[in-house]
Amino acid sequence: MPQQRYTRREVCKAGLATLAIPAIARAAPTTSRPAFALRYMQASCLYGTLPLAEILPEARKAGAAHVDCWPKPHGNQREQMDAMGHEAFAAMLREHKLTLGCLTRYDLGPFD
């Protein structure tokens, strides 16, 4: 059976690769970072003029952590929030483990 012959260059490459693997493993960071995760906000205008009491539980089911309340004509949740009072709305948010992420106000237009 003929013997396999290696060149000096092939032996050096194999030796360096063998030495480099543990060095690379030691150089890897040991602290773990929290995984990247998106945070979602549910726009109330997607529900038309449904009551906030129906929208907030659905936002949580959809994976949203925040809610965006829209005024007329796109929705009327901003007006609902004013009618019920901000304290009552804050209590509803706490009940459903949500926060108010945004108050979209396209009704003001670019010059108001």
C-alpha atoms as a PDB file:
ATOM      1  CA  MET A   1       0.000   0.000   0.000  1.00  0.00           C
ATOM      2  CA  PRO A   2       1.549   3.329  -0.986  1.00  0.00           C
ATOM      3  CA  GLN A   3       2.113   5.898   1.751  1.00  0.00           C
ATOM      4  CA  GLN A   4       0.480   9.321   1.595  1.00  0.00           C
ATOM      5  CA  ARG A   5       3.035  12.096   1.344  1.00  0.00           C
ATOM      6  CA  TYR A   6       2.380  15.579   2.710  1.00  0.00           C
ATOM      7  CA  THR A   7       4.259  18.710   1.830  1.00  0.00           C
ATOM      8  CA  ARG A   8       5.764  20.887   4.533  1.00  0.00           C
ATOM      9  CA  ARG A   9       3.191  23.597   3.696  1.00  0.00           C
ATOM     10  CA  GLU A  10       0.249  21.196   4.267  1.00  0.00           C
ATOM     11  CA  VAL A  11       1.666  20.047   7.618  1.00  0.00           C
ATOM     12  CA  CYS A  12       2.152  23.677   8.762  1.00  0.00           C
ATOM     13  CA  LYS A  13      -1.408  24.619   7.770  1.00  0.00           C
ATOM     14  CA  ALA A  14      -2.843  21.677   9.685  1.00  0.00           C
ATOM     15  CA  GLY A  15      -0.722  22.465  12.745  1.00  0.00           C
ATOM     16  CA  LEU A  16      -1.681  26.136  12.784  1.00  0.00           C
ATOM     17  CA  ALA A  17      -5.365  25.313  12.397  1.00  0.00           C
ATOM     18  CA  THR A  18      -5.141  22.883  15.311  1.00  0.00           C
ATOM     19  CA  LEU A  19      -3.509  25.555  17.495  1.00  0.00           C
ATOM     20  CA  ALA A  20      -5.888  28.316  16.414  1.00  0.00           C
ATOM     21  CA  ILE A  21      -9.170  26.608  17.364  1.00  0.00           C
ATOM     22  CA  PRO A  22      -8.671  26.773  21.184  1.00  0.00           C
ATOM     23  CA  ALA A  23      -7.379  30.353  20.922  1.00  0.00           C
ATOM     24  CA  ILE A  24     -10.498  31.427  19.023  1.00  0.00           C
ATOM     25  CA  ALA A  25     -12.739  29.695  21.561  1.00  0.00           C
ATOM     26  CA  ARG A  26     -11.019  31.548  24.441  1.00  0.00           C
ATOM     27  CA  ALA A  27     -11.378  34.879  22.647  1.00  0.00           C
ATOM     28  CA  ALA A  28     -15.163  34.509  22.298  1.00  0.00           C
ATOM     29  CA  PRO A  29     -17.095  36.762  24.686  1.00  0.00           C
ATOM     30  CA  THR A  30     -18.250  35.002  27.833  1.00  0.00           C
ATOM     31  CA  THR A  31     -21.002  37.446  28.800  1.00  0.00           C
ATOM     32  CA  SER A  32     -24.355  36.755  27.258  1.00  0.00           C
ATOM     33  CA  ARG A  33     -26.424  39.568  25.833  1.00  0.00           C
ATOM     34  CA  PRO A  34     -30.197  39.551  25.935  1.00  0.00           C
ATOM     35  CA  ALA A  35     -31.678  38.416  22.665  1.00  0.00           C
ATOM     36  CA  PHE A  36     -32.929  41.084  20.287  1.00  0.00           C
ATOM     37  CA  ALA A  37     -36.695  41.360  20.413  1.00  0.00           C
ATOM     38  CA  LEU A  38     -39.126  43.679  18.680  1.00  0.00           C
ATOM     39  CA  ARG A  39     -41.685  45.538  20.755  1.00  0.00           C
ATOM     40  CA  TYR A  40     -45.038  45.952  19.060  1.00  0.00           C
ATOM     41  CA  MET A  41     -47.588  48.759  19.285  1.00  0.00           C
ATOM     42  CA  GLN A  42     -51.219  48.194  18.287  1.00  0.00           C
ATOM     43  CA  ALA A  43     -52.922  51.050  16.431  1.00  0.00           C
ATOM     44  CA  SER A  44     -56.508  51.517  17.606  1.00  0.00           C
ATOM     45  CA  CYS A  45     -57.592  52.764  14.165  1.00  0.00           C
ATOM     46  CA  LEU A  46     -57.354  49.178  12.906  1.00  0.00           C
ATOM     47  CA  TYR A  47     -60.525  48.492  14.898  1.00  0.00           C
ATOM     48  CA  GLY A  48     -62.584  51.397  13.547  1.00  0.00           C
ATOM     49  CA  THR A  49     -64.752  52.762  16.338  1.00  0.00           C
ATOM     50  CA  LEU A  50     -64.887  49.704  18.588  1.00  0.00           C
ATOM     51  CA  PRO A  51     -64.778  50.450  22.307  1.00  0.00           C
ATOM     52  CA  LEU A  52     -61.398  50.481  24.040  1.00  0.00           C
ATOM     53  CA  ALA A  53     -62.678  47.734  26.337  1.00  0.00           C
ATOM     54  CA  GLU A  54     -62.753  45.407  23.308  1.00  0.00           C
ATOM     55  CA  ILE A  55     -59.534  46.633  21.686  1.00  0.00           C
ATOM     56  CA  LEU A  56     -57.140  46.409  24.640  1.00  0.00           C
ATOM     57  CA  PRO A  57     -57.503  42.652  25.274  1.00  0.00           C
ATOM     58  CA  GLU A  58     -57.003  42.001  21.563  1.00  0.00           C
ATOM     59  CA  ALA A  59     -53.837  44.100  21.482  1.00  0.00           C
ATOM     60  CA  ARG A  60     -52.248  41.907  24.144  1.00  0.00           C
ATOM     61  CA  LYS A  61     -53.277  38.731  22.308  1.00  0.00           C
ATOM     62  CA  ALA A  62     -51.570  40.074  19.170  1.00  0.00           C
ATOM     63  CA  GLY A  63     -48.306  40.443  21.093  1.00  0.00           C
ATOM     64  CA  ALA A  64     -48.383  44.215  21.471  1.00  0.00           C
ATOM     65  CA  ALA A  65     -47.005  45.847  24.604  1.00  0.00           C
ATOM     66  CA  HIS A  66     -48.241  49.339  23.706  1.00  0.00           C
ATOM     67  CA  VAL A  67     -51.326  50.884  22.178  1.00  0.00           C
ATOM     68  CA  ASP A  68     -51.621  53.890  19.835  1.00  0.00           C
ATOM     69  CA  CYS A  69     -54.920  55.779  20.271  1.00  0.00           C
ATOM     70  CA  TRP A  70     -56.313  57.540  17.209  1.00  0.00           C
ATOM     71  CA  PRO A  71     -58.951  60.297  16.994  1.00  0.00           C
ATOM     72  CA  LYS A  72     -61.722  60.779  14.422  1.00  0.00           C
ATOM     73  CA  PRO A  73     -62.003  60.231  11.448  1.00  0.00           C
ATOM     74  CA  HIS A  74     -59.722  57.170  11.565  1.00  0.00           C
ATOM     75  CA  GLY A  75     -61.054  55.856  14.860  1.00  0.00           C
ATOM     76  CA  ASN A  76     -62.563  57.443  17.946  1.00  0.00           C
ATOM     77  CA  GLN A  77     -60.502  55.940  20.745  1.00  0.00           C
ATOM     78  CA  ARG A  78     -58.910  59.295  21.605  1.00  0.00           C
ATOM     79  CA  GLU A  79     -62.377  60.716  22.192  1.00  0.00           C
ATOM     80  CA  GLN A  80     -63.341  57.596  24.184  1.00  0.00           C
ATOM     81  CA  MET A  81     -60.286  58.103  26.355  1.00  0.00           C
ATOM     82  CA  ASP A  82     -61.254  61.739  27.045  1.00  0.00           C
ATOM     83  CA  ALA A  83     -64.882  60.754  27.801  1.00  0.00           C
ATOM     84  CA  MET A  84     -63.947  58.070  30.333  1.00  0.00           C
ATOM     85  CA  GLY A  85     -61.185  60.130  31.921  1.00  0.00           C
ATOM     86  CA  HIS A  86     -57.461  59.556  31.854  1.00  0.00           C
ATOM     87  CA  GLU A  87     -57.392  57.774  35.222  1.00  0.00           C
ATOM     88  CA  ALA A  88     -59.981  55.210  34.092  1.00  0.00           C
ATOM     89  CA  PHE A  89     -58.062  54.689  30.850  1.00  0.00           C
ATOM     90  CA  ALA A  90     -54.800  54.224  32.778  1.00  0.00           C
ATOM     91  CA  ALA A  91     -56.542  51.603  34.938  1.00  0.00           C
ATOM     92  CA  MET A  92     -57.687  49.752  31.790  1.00  0.00           C
ATOM     93  CA  LEU A  93     -54.124  49.783  30.472  1.00  0.00           C
ATOM     94  CA  ARG A  94     -52.808  48.351  33.742  1.00  0.00           C
ATOM     95  CA  GLU A  95     -55.514  45.690  33.749  1.00  0.00           C
ATOM     96  CA  HIS A  96     -54.396  44.485  30.313  1.00  0.00           C
ATOM     97  CA  LYS A  97     -50.653  44.970  30.986  1.00  0.00           C
ATOM     98  CA  LEU A  98     -50.300  47.594  28.255  1.00  0.00           C
ATOM     99  CA  THR A  99     -48.873  51.089  28.057  1.00  0.00           C
ATOM    100  CA  LEU A 100     -49.879  54.075  25.953  1.00  0.00           C
ATOM    101  CA  GLY A 101     -47.191  54.140  23.293  1.00  0.00           C
ATOM    102  CA  CYS A 102     -48.416  56.961  21.054  1.00  0.00           C
ATOM    103  CA  LEU A 103     -51.233  59.393  20.397  1.00  0.00           C
ATOM    104  CA  THR A 104     -51.416  59.782  16.631  1.00  0.00           C
ATOM    105  CA  ARG A 105     -52.916  63.129  15.619  1.00  0.00           C
ATOM    106  CA  TYR A 106     -53.249  63.396  11.845  1.00  0.00           C
ATOM    107  CA  ASP A 107     -56.405  65.416  12.419  1.00  0.00           C
ATOM    108  CA  LEU A 108     -54.317  68.505  13.222  1.00  0.00           C
ATOM    109  CA  GLY A 109     -52.805  68.650   9.746  1.00  0.00           C
ATOM    110  CA  PRO A 110     -49.333  69.941   8.878  1.00  0.00           C
ATOM    111  CA  PHE A 111     -49.994  73.579   9.909  1.00  0.00           C
ATOM    112  CA  ASP A 112     -51.930  73.120  13.169  1.00  0.00           C
END
